[in-house]
Amino acid sequence: MNRRKTSQAVATLLVTEDPAALAREAADQLLAWTIEVPGLVRVALSGGSTPRRTYQELVRPRMIDRFPWQKVHWFWGDERFVPPGHSESNYRMAREAMLDAAPIPPGNIHPIPTVGVDADEAALRYEAELKDAYGGSTLRRNQPLFDVCLLGLGDDGHTASLIPGDAVLSEQHRWVAVVAHGRPEIRITLTYPAINASRHIAFLVSGKDKRAILRDVLAGDDSKPAARLSPKGNILFIADRAAARE
């Protein structure tokens, strides 16, 4: 492991041989983090092909019977404002890759609502659901909102749907916000305050196309939204060798 300082936090870089090894490492790390929590666990999921491999790894024979499914509650870091069965839905991806195959109580799954509401109402409802799960409307330093927040890293440095140039980057009060510009579809995303209120943050980064942006984020280039996180703990980047090669 290598430790580097981003603009706001110390980031640990863990390099794996290839995407399959990355998925195994991320699944093992998620297992370790969930086991260490004595009570209920809240995990925020990411969309994308790299997290999909990790979700699939969690329900493989070596892992499925070891994971504490009954105590883990699953949330989403962001979602496209599309129906849950849509091919671009992050919820659908996680359901097909993991949730349908795991012994998860239905009440432990908390997708962002996208049907029967407009985007603003969806954001308000999801924020209310998070506050209910948290047990309060004010984030406290000694009580994380999420025990684990899994994130991806876009080519432009975005993470979740914290997109360069969007007003959401300046949001300091809301936990959930609408991102209506910069992408073909409207998105709902966790904001910096919500993501920063995580016990553990893990970026999953794969492929040579991510090499330059990973280098910039690890160097603390705060023009990249992913480099502007300031969590209470540290951040773990799990990257395959293609993404991490200097």
Protein backbone atom coordinates (compact mmCIF):
# COMPACT_ATOMS: atom_id res chain seq x y z
CA MET A 1 0.00 0.00 0.00
CA ASN A 2 1.06 3.56 -0.69
CA ARG A 3 -0.16 6.59 1.24
CA ARG A 4 -0.55 9.94 -0.47
CA LYS A 5 -2.14 13.17 0.65
CA THR A 6 -5.01 14.50 -1.43
CA SER A 7 -6.13 18.11 -0.97
CA GLN A 8 -8.24 17.17 2.04
CA ALA A 9 -7.33 13.73 3.37
CA VAL A 10 -4.71 11.05 3.48
CA ALA A 11 -5.50 8.48 0.79
CA THR A 12 -4.23 4.92 0.81
CA LEU A 13 -3.63 3.32 -2.58
CA LEU A 14 -3.91 -0.46 -2.77
CA VAL A 15 -2.85 -1.87 -6.15
CA THR A 16 -4.15 -5.21 -7.41
CA GLU A 17 -2.99 -7.22 -10.39
CA ASP A 18 -6.12 -7.01 -12.54
CA PRO A 19 -9.89 -6.29 -12.39
CA ALA A 20 -10.70 -9.73 -11.00
CA ALA A 21 -8.21 -9.28 -8.17
CA LEU A 22 -9.61 -5.79 -7.56
CA ALA A 23 -13.11 -7.25 -7.12
CA ARG A 24 -11.84 -9.90 -4.70
CA GLU A 25 -9.91 -7.33 -2.66
CA ALA A 26 -12.85 -4.93 -2.53
CA ALA A 27 -15.23 -7.71 -1.47
CA ASP A 28 -12.82 -8.85 1.25
CA GLN A 29 -12.43 -5.29 2.49
CA LEU A 30 -16.18 -4.75 2.58
CA LEU A 31 -16.60 -7.97 4.55
CA ALA A 32 -13.97 -6.87 7.08
CA TRP A 33 -15.54 -3.45 7.50
CA THR A 34 -19.05 -4.82 8.00
CA ILE A 35 -17.96 -7.45 10.49
CA GLU A 36 -16.19 -4.89 12.66
CA VAL A 37 -19.45 -2.98 13.30
CA PRO A 38 -21.36 -4.53 16.23
CA GLY A 39 -24.84 -3.42 15.15
CA LEU A 40 -26.61 -2.47 11.93
CA VAL A 41 -24.41 -1.43 9.01
CA ARG A 42 -25.20 1.15 6.33
CA VAL A 43 -23.44 0.82 2.96
CA ALA A 44 -23.73 3.28 0.05
CA LEU A 45 -23.34 1.57 -3.32
CA SER A 46 -21.85 2.90 -6.54
CA GLY A 47 -22.87 2.29 -10.11
CA GLY A 48 -20.54 1.24 -12.91
CA SER A 49 -18.85 -1.87 -14.29
CA THR A 50 -16.04 -1.99 -11.71
CA PRO A 51 -18.38 -2.05 -8.67
CA ARG A 52 -20.52 -4.63 -10.49
CA ARG A 53 -17.63 -7.11 -10.33
CA THR A 54 -17.34 -6.52 -6.59
CA TYR A 55 -21.06 -7.11 -6.06
CA GLN A 56 -20.83 -10.33 -8.05
CA GLU A 57 -17.86 -11.39 -5.93
CA LEU A 58 -19.88 -10.94 -2.73
CA VAL A 59 -22.36 -13.62 -3.79
CA ARG A 60 -19.81 -16.17 -4.98
CA PRO A 61 -19.58 -19.40 -2.95
CA ARG A 62 -16.42 -18.30 -1.11
CA MET A 63 -18.16 -15.21 0.24
CA ILE A 64 -21.95 -15.48 0.35
CA ASP A 65 -22.18 -17.54 3.54
CA ARG A 66 -19.60 -15.39 5.34
CA PHE A 67 -21.16 -12.01 4.67
CA PRO A 68 -23.51 -10.62 7.40
CA TRP A 69 -26.41 -9.93 5.05
CA GLN A 70 -29.03 -9.67 7.78
CA LYS A 71 -27.50 -6.62 9.42
CA VAL A 72 -26.43 -4.62 6.35
CA HIS A 73 -28.66 -1.91 4.88
CA TRP A 74 -27.95 -0.91 1.29
CA PHE A 75 -28.24 2.65 0.00
CA TRP A 76 -27.08 4.34 -3.21
CA GLY A 77 -24.56 7.12 -3.73
CA ASP A 78 -26.33 8.30 -6.85
CA GLU A 79 -28.94 7.26 -9.36
CA ARG A 80 -30.06 8.22 -12.82
CA PHE A 81 -33.64 9.48 -12.71
CA VAL A 82 -34.99 6.51 -14.66
CA PRO A 83 -37.40 3.71 -13.70
CA PRO A 84 -35.87 0.93 -11.57
CA GLY A 85 -36.08 -1.55 -14.43
CA HIS A 86 -34.26 0.74 -16.88
CA SER A 87 -30.99 -0.53 -18.34
CA GLU A 88 -29.18 2.56 -16.97
CA SER A 89 -30.49 2.19 -13.42
CA ASN A 90 -27.81 1.75 -10.76
CA TYR A 91 -30.40 0.00 -8.62
CA ARG A 92 -31.11 -2.52 -11.37
CA MET A 93 -27.40 -3.20 -11.82
CA ALA A 94 -26.88 -3.90 -8.11
CA ARG A 95 -30.04 -6.01 -7.95
CA GLU A 96 -28.99 -8.20 -10.87
CA ALA A 97 -25.35 -8.45 -9.73
CA MET A 98 -25.93 -9.09 -6.03
CA LEU A 99 -29.19 -8.24 -4.30
CA ASP A 100 -31.37 -10.88 -5.97
CA ALA A 101 -28.84 -13.62 -5.19
CA ALA A 102 -28.22 -12.75 -1.53
CA PRO A 103 -30.34 -13.50 1.56
CA ILE A 104 -31.16 -9.84 2.17
CA PRO A 105 -34.34 -8.82 4.03
CA PRO A 106 -36.39 -6.63 1.65
CA GLY A 107 -36.49 -3.86 4.24
CA ASN A 108 -32.69 -3.61 4.12
CA ILE A 109 -32.70 -2.30 0.54
CA HIS A 110 -33.18 1.45 0.12
CA PRO A 111 -33.19 2.55 -3.55
CA ILE A 112 -33.56 6.18 -4.56
CA PRO A 113 -37.21 6.68 -5.62
CA THR A 114 -37.65 7.44 -9.31
CA VAL A 115 -41.30 6.54 -9.98
CA GLY A 116 -44.35 8.63 -9.06
CA VAL A 117 -42.26 11.66 -8.04
CA ASP A 118 -40.37 14.41 -9.78
CA ALA A 119 -36.62 14.71 -9.25
CA ASP A 120 -36.85 17.35 -6.52
CA GLU A 121 -39.33 15.27 -4.54
CA ALA A 122 -37.16 12.18 -5.04
CA ALA A 123 -34.18 13.97 -3.50
CA LEU A 124 -36.26 15.21 -0.57
CA ARG A 125 -37.71 11.76 0.08
CA TYR A 126 -34.34 10.06 -0.03
CA GLU A 127 -32.84 12.61 2.31
CA ALA A 128 -35.74 12.02 4.70
CA GLU A 129 -35.14 8.27 4.49
CA LEU A 130 -31.45 8.78 5.28
CA LYS A 131 -32.29 10.98 8.26
CA ASP A 132 -34.72 8.39 9.55
CA ALA A 133 -32.07 5.67 9.25
CA TYR A 134 -29.52 7.94 10.90
CA GLY A 135 -31.85 8.87 13.73
CA GLY A 136 -31.50 12.63 13.36
CA SER A 137 -31.30 15.54 10.95
CA THR A 138 -27.88 16.82 12.00
CA LEU A 139 -24.70 14.92 11.15
CA ARG A 140 -22.52 14.32 14.21
CA ARG A 141 -18.78 13.82 14.14
CA ASN A 142 -18.84 10.69 16.28
CA GLN A 143 -21.70 9.00 14.39
CA PRO A 144 -21.18 8.13 10.72
CA LEU A 145 -24.05 8.23 8.28
CA PHE A 146 -22.51 5.35 6.33
CA ASP A 147 -20.18 2.70 7.62
CA VAL A 148 -18.93 2.19 4.08
CA CYS A 149 -19.32 4.37 0.99
CA LEU A 150 -18.22 2.77 -2.28
CA LEU A 151 -17.36 5.20 -5.06
CA GLY A 152 -16.26 5.14 -8.66
CA LEU A 153 -14.03 7.63 -10.44
CA GLY A 154 -15.04 9.21 -13.73
CA ASP A 155 -12.64 10.29 -16.45
CA ASP A 156 -13.47 13.93 -15.62
CA GLY A 157 -12.88 13.40 -11.90
CA HIS A 158 -16.52 13.10 -10.89
CA THR A 159 -17.64 10.68 -8.22
CA ALA A 160 -21.21 9.72 -7.42
CA SER A 161 -22.87 12.48 -9.51
CA LEU A 162 -20.69 15.28 -8.17
CA ILE A 163 -19.97 16.60 -11.64
CA PRO A 164 -17.38 19.30 -12.45
CA GLY A 165 -18.92 22.75 -12.70
CA ASP A 166 -22.30 21.83 -11.23
CA ALA A 167 -23.82 23.81 -8.36
CA VAL A 168 -24.07 20.59 -6.34
CA LEU A 169 -20.35 20.93 -5.55
CA SER A 170 -21.15 23.93 -3.34
CA GLU A 171 -23.98 22.27 -1.41
CA GLN A 172 -23.15 22.24 2.29
CA HIS A 173 -26.53 21.57 3.92
CA ARG A 174 -28.56 19.10 1.89
CA TRP A 175 -27.62 15.43 2.05
CA VAL A 176 -29.18 14.60 -1.33
CA ALA A 177 -29.46 16.84 -4.38
CA VAL A 178 -30.63 16.90 -7.98
CA VAL A 179 -28.07 17.22 -10.78
CA ALA A 180 -29.98 18.39 -13.83
CA HIS A 181 -27.12 19.44 -16.11
CA GLY A 182 -23.94 17.97 -17.51
CA ARG A 183 -25.30 14.52 -18.33
CA PRO A 184 -27.92 13.17 -20.76
CA GLU A 185 -30.27 12.34 -17.88
CA ILE A 186 -31.20 13.97 -14.57
CA ARG A 187 -29.42 12.42 -11.61
CA ILE A 188 -29.95 12.26 -7.87
CA THR A 189 -26.77 12.25 -5.79
CA LEU A 190 -25.42 12.29 -2.30
CA THR A 191 -23.66 15.56 -1.54
CA TYR A 192 -20.25 16.14 0.01
CA PRO A 193 -21.66 16.40 3.56
CA ALA A 194 -23.34 12.99 3.26
CA ILE A 195 -20.37 11.23 1.65
CA ASN A 196 -17.91 12.80 4.07
CA ALA A 197 -19.96 11.42 6.97
CA SER A 198 -18.67 7.91 6.20
CA ARG A 199 -16.61 5.67 8.42
CA HIS A 200 -14.83 4.21 5.39
CA ILE A 201 -14.68 5.49 1.79
CA ALA A 202 -13.42 3.16 -0.94
CA PHE A 203 -12.84 4.16 -4.55
CA LEU A 204 -12.80 1.26 -7.03
CA VAL A 205 -10.72 2.21 -10.07
CA SER A 206 -9.90 -0.01 -13.04
CA GLY A 207 -8.28 0.33 -16.45
CA LYS A 208 -5.60 2.37 -18.18
CA ASP A 209 -8.19 4.98 -19.17
CA LYS A 210 -8.38 5.97 -15.49
CA ARG A 211 -4.62 6.29 -15.03
CA ALA A 212 -4.36 10.06 -15.56
CA ILE A 213 -7.39 11.00 -13.47
CA LEU A 214 -6.35 8.71 -10.62
CA ARG A 215 -2.94 10.36 -10.60
CA ASP A 216 -4.55 13.83 -10.50
CA VAL A 217 -6.91 12.94 -7.67
CA LEU A 218 -4.17 11.33 -5.59
CA ALA A 219 -2.06 14.45 -6.15
CA GLY A 220 -4.86 16.55 -4.64
CA ASP A 221 -6.00 18.40 -7.77
CA ASP A 222 -9.12 19.98 -6.28
CA SER A 223 -10.45 20.94 -9.70
CA LYS A 224 -11.53 17.28 -9.70
CA PRO A 225 -14.61 16.67 -7.53
CA ALA A 226 -13.28 13.33 -6.26
CA ALA A 227 -10.22 15.09 -4.80
CA ARG A 228 -12.37 17.47 -2.76
CA LEU A 229 -13.68 14.93 -0.28
CA SER A 230 -12.85 15.70 3.34
CA PRO A 231 -14.07 12.71 5.34
CA LYS A 232 -13.58 12.22 9.04
CA GLY A 233 -11.51 9.12 8.31
CA ASN A 234 -9.15 8.25 5.49
CA ILE A 235 -9.90 7.09 1.97
CA LEU A 236 -8.91 3.79 0.36
CA PHE A 237 -8.32 3.64 -3.40
CA ILE A 238 -8.38 0.07 -4.69
CA ALA A 239 -6.98 0.15 -8.22
CA ASP A 240 -5.77 -2.44 -10.67
CA ARG A 241 -2.25 -2.21 -12.05
CA ALA A 242 -3.42 -0.72 -15.35
CA ALA A 243 -5.01 2.26 -13.56
CA ALA A 244 -2.26 2.72 -10.98
CA ARG A 245 0.82 2.41 -13.21
CA GLU A 246 2.93 5.57 -13.17
